[in-house]
Structures are given as C-alpha cells and as structure tokens.
C-alpha cells in the first residue's frame, strides 16, 4: 500500500510541474520607442509555445 501511494504521489507531482517564462523588452530598436512587448512562453515536453 505504501508503494502504491508513493508511486501515485510521484506521478502526480511530475505531471503537474510546468515551466513558464515571461519575457519583455522595450521596442526602441524597432522604431517604436516607449512601447514594451511582453511574451509568455510555456514549456511542453521539449519545446516552447508562445501564449
């Protein structure tokens, strides 16, 4: 019974972890001074998806 509970907890914790990155930068380099762009990336498997 202890092994079953431990296995379940390990599975639950690894499946609920995700990596999110928030990147922002100022757009003066692109002739848009004063504007800030923010992009959120989420890691799913081995790739990143922009949200």
N, C-alpha and C. Protein backbone atom coordinates (compact mmCIF):
# COMPACT_ATOMS: atom_id res chain seq x y z
N UNK A 1 0.83 -1.20 0.00
CA UNK A 1 0.00 0.00 0.00
C UNK A 1 0.87 1.25 0.00
N UNK A 2 1.98 1.23 0.76
CA UNK A 2 2.86 2.39 0.80
C UNK A 2 3.48 2.66 -0.56
N UNK A 3 3.83 1.60 -1.28
CA UNK A 3 4.42 1.78 -2.60
C UNK A 3 3.42 2.37 -3.58
N UNK A 4 2.17 1.97 -3.46
CA UNK A 4 1.13 2.49 -4.33
C UNK A 4 0.93 3.99 -4.09
N UNK A 5 0.87 4.39 -2.85
CA UNK A 5 0.70 5.80 -2.51
C UNK A 5 1.91 6.60 -2.97
N UNK A 6 3.11 6.09 -2.75
CA UNK A 6 4.32 6.78 -3.17
C UNK A 6 4.37 6.93 -4.69
N UNK A 7 4.03 5.88 -5.40
CA UNK A 7 4.01 5.94 -6.86
C UNK A 7 3.00 6.96 -7.35
N UNK A 8 1.84 6.99 -6.74
CA UNK A 8 0.81 7.95 -7.12
C UNK A 8 1.26 9.39 -6.87
N UNK A 9 1.90 9.64 -5.74
CA UNK A 9 2.38 10.98 -5.42
C UNK A 9 3.48 11.43 -6.38
N UNK A 10 4.37 10.53 -6.74
CA UNK A 10 5.43 10.87 -7.69
C UNK A 10 4.83 11.20 -9.05
N UNK A 11 3.90 10.41 -9.50
CA UNK A 11 3.25 10.67 -10.78
C UNK A 11 2.50 11.99 -10.76
N UNK A 12 1.81 12.27 -9.69
CA UNK A 12 1.03 13.49 -9.57
C UNK A 12 1.92 14.72 -9.58
N UNK A 13 3.04 14.66 -8.89
CA UNK A 13 3.90 15.84 -8.81
C UNK A 13 4.63 16.09 -10.13
N UNK A 14 5.03 15.06 -10.85
CA UNK A 14 5.75 15.30 -12.11
C UNK A 14 4.82 15.74 -13.22
N UNK A 15 3.57 15.32 -13.19
CA UNK A 15 2.66 15.72 -14.26
C UNK A 15 2.13 17.13 -14.05
N UNK A 16 2.20 17.66 -12.85
CA UNK A 16 1.66 18.99 -12.61
C UNK A 16 2.71 20.08 -12.72
N UNK A 17 3.99 19.72 -12.85
CA UNK A 17 5.03 20.73 -12.98
C UNK A 17 5.07 21.25 -14.41
N UNK A 18 5.22 22.53 -14.55
CA UNK A 18 5.39 23.12 -15.88
C UNK A 18 6.33 24.31 -15.74
N UNK A 19 6.94 24.68 -16.84
CA UNK A 19 7.85 25.81 -16.84
C UNK A 19 7.22 26.93 -17.63
N UNK A 20 7.13 28.10 -17.03
CA UNK A 20 6.61 29.28 -17.70
C UNK A 20 7.67 30.37 -17.63
N UNK A 21 7.89 31.04 -18.74
CA UNK A 21 8.85 32.13 -18.80
C UNK A 21 8.14 33.35 -19.35
N UNK A 22 8.38 34.49 -18.72
CA UNK A 22 7.80 35.75 -19.17
C UNK A 22 8.95 36.65 -19.60
N UNK A 23 8.92 37.07 -20.86
CA UNK A 23 9.97 37.92 -21.41
C UNK A 23 9.36 39.24 -21.84
N UNK A 24 10.04 40.33 -21.54
CA UNK A 24 9.58 41.63 -22.00
C UNK A 24 10.78 42.45 -22.46
N UNK A 25 10.55 43.30 -23.45
CA UNK A 25 11.61 44.17 -23.92
C UNK A 25 11.01 45.45 -24.50
N UNK A 26 11.83 46.49 -24.50
CA UNK A 26 11.45 47.79 -24.99
C UNK A 26 11.74 47.84 -26.49
N UNK A 27 10.85 48.43 -27.28
CA UNK A 27 10.90 48.32 -28.73
C UNK A 27 11.53 49.52 -29.44
N UNK A 28 12.44 50.24 -28.79
CA UNK A 28 13.10 51.37 -29.45
C UNK A 28 13.92 50.93 -30.65
N UNK A 29 14.49 49.76 -30.60
CA UNK A 29 15.29 49.24 -31.71
C UNK A 29 14.46 49.04 -32.97
N UNK A 30 13.16 48.95 -32.82
CA UNK A 30 12.27 48.69 -33.95
C UNK A 30 11.41 49.92 -34.28
N UNK A 31 11.94 51.11 -33.99
CA UNK A 31 11.26 52.40 -34.25
C UNK A 31 9.91 52.50 -33.56
N UNK A 32 9.81 51.94 -32.38
CA UNK A 32 8.59 52.05 -31.57
C UNK A 32 8.99 52.41 -30.14
N UNK A 33 9.58 53.61 -29.94
CA UNK A 33 10.05 53.99 -28.61
C UNK A 33 8.91 54.11 -27.60
N UNK A 34 9.18 53.68 -26.39
CA UNK A 34 8.19 53.77 -25.32
C UNK A 34 7.26 52.57 -25.23
N UNK A 35 7.25 51.71 -26.23
CA UNK A 35 6.40 50.52 -26.18
C UNK A 35 7.17 49.35 -25.59
N UNK A 36 6.49 48.56 -24.81
CA UNK A 36 7.09 47.36 -24.22
C UNK A 36 6.24 46.17 -24.63
N UNK A 37 6.91 45.15 -25.14
CA UNK A 37 6.22 43.93 -25.55
C UNK A 37 6.51 42.84 -24.54
N UNK A 38 5.49 42.13 -24.12
CA UNK A 38 5.64 41.04 -23.16
C UNK A 38 5.11 39.76 -23.79
N UNK A 39 5.92 38.70 -23.73
CA UNK A 39 5.54 37.41 -24.30
C UNK A 39 5.70 36.35 -23.22
N UNK A 40 4.75 35.45 -23.12
CA UNK A 40 4.81 34.35 -22.16
C UNK A 40 5.03 33.05 -22.93
N UNK A 41 6.03 32.30 -22.50
CA UNK A 41 6.33 31.01 -23.11
C UNK A 41 6.07 29.91 -22.10
N UNK A 42 5.51 28.80 -22.57
CA UNK A 42 5.27 27.64 -21.71
C UNK A 42 5.99 26.44 -22.32
N UNK A 43 6.74 25.75 -21.49
CA UNK A 43 7.45 24.57 -21.97
C UNK A 43 6.54 23.36 -21.88
N UNK A 44 6.37 22.70 -23.02
CA UNK A 44 5.59 21.47 -23.08
C UNK A 44 6.48 20.43 -23.73
N UNK A 45 6.91 19.47 -22.95
CA UNK A 45 7.83 18.46 -23.46
C UNK A 45 9.20 19.07 -23.69
N UNK A 46 9.66 19.03 -24.93
CA UNK A 46 10.98 19.57 -25.25
C UNK A 46 10.90 20.86 -26.06
N UNK A 47 9.71 21.44 -26.20
CA UNK A 47 9.59 22.67 -26.98
C UNK A 47 8.84 23.73 -26.18
N UNK A 48 8.95 24.97 -26.65
CA UNK A 48 8.29 26.10 -26.01
C UNK A 48 7.16 26.60 -26.91
N UNK A 49 6.05 26.94 -26.30
CA UNK A 49 4.91 27.51 -27.02
C UNK A 49 4.66 28.91 -26.50
N UNK A 50 4.49 29.87 -27.40
CA UNK A 50 4.18 31.24 -27.01
C UNK A 50 2.69 31.36 -26.75
N UNK A 51 2.35 31.98 -25.64
CA UNK A 51 0.93 32.18 -25.30
C UNK A 51 0.54 33.59 -25.64
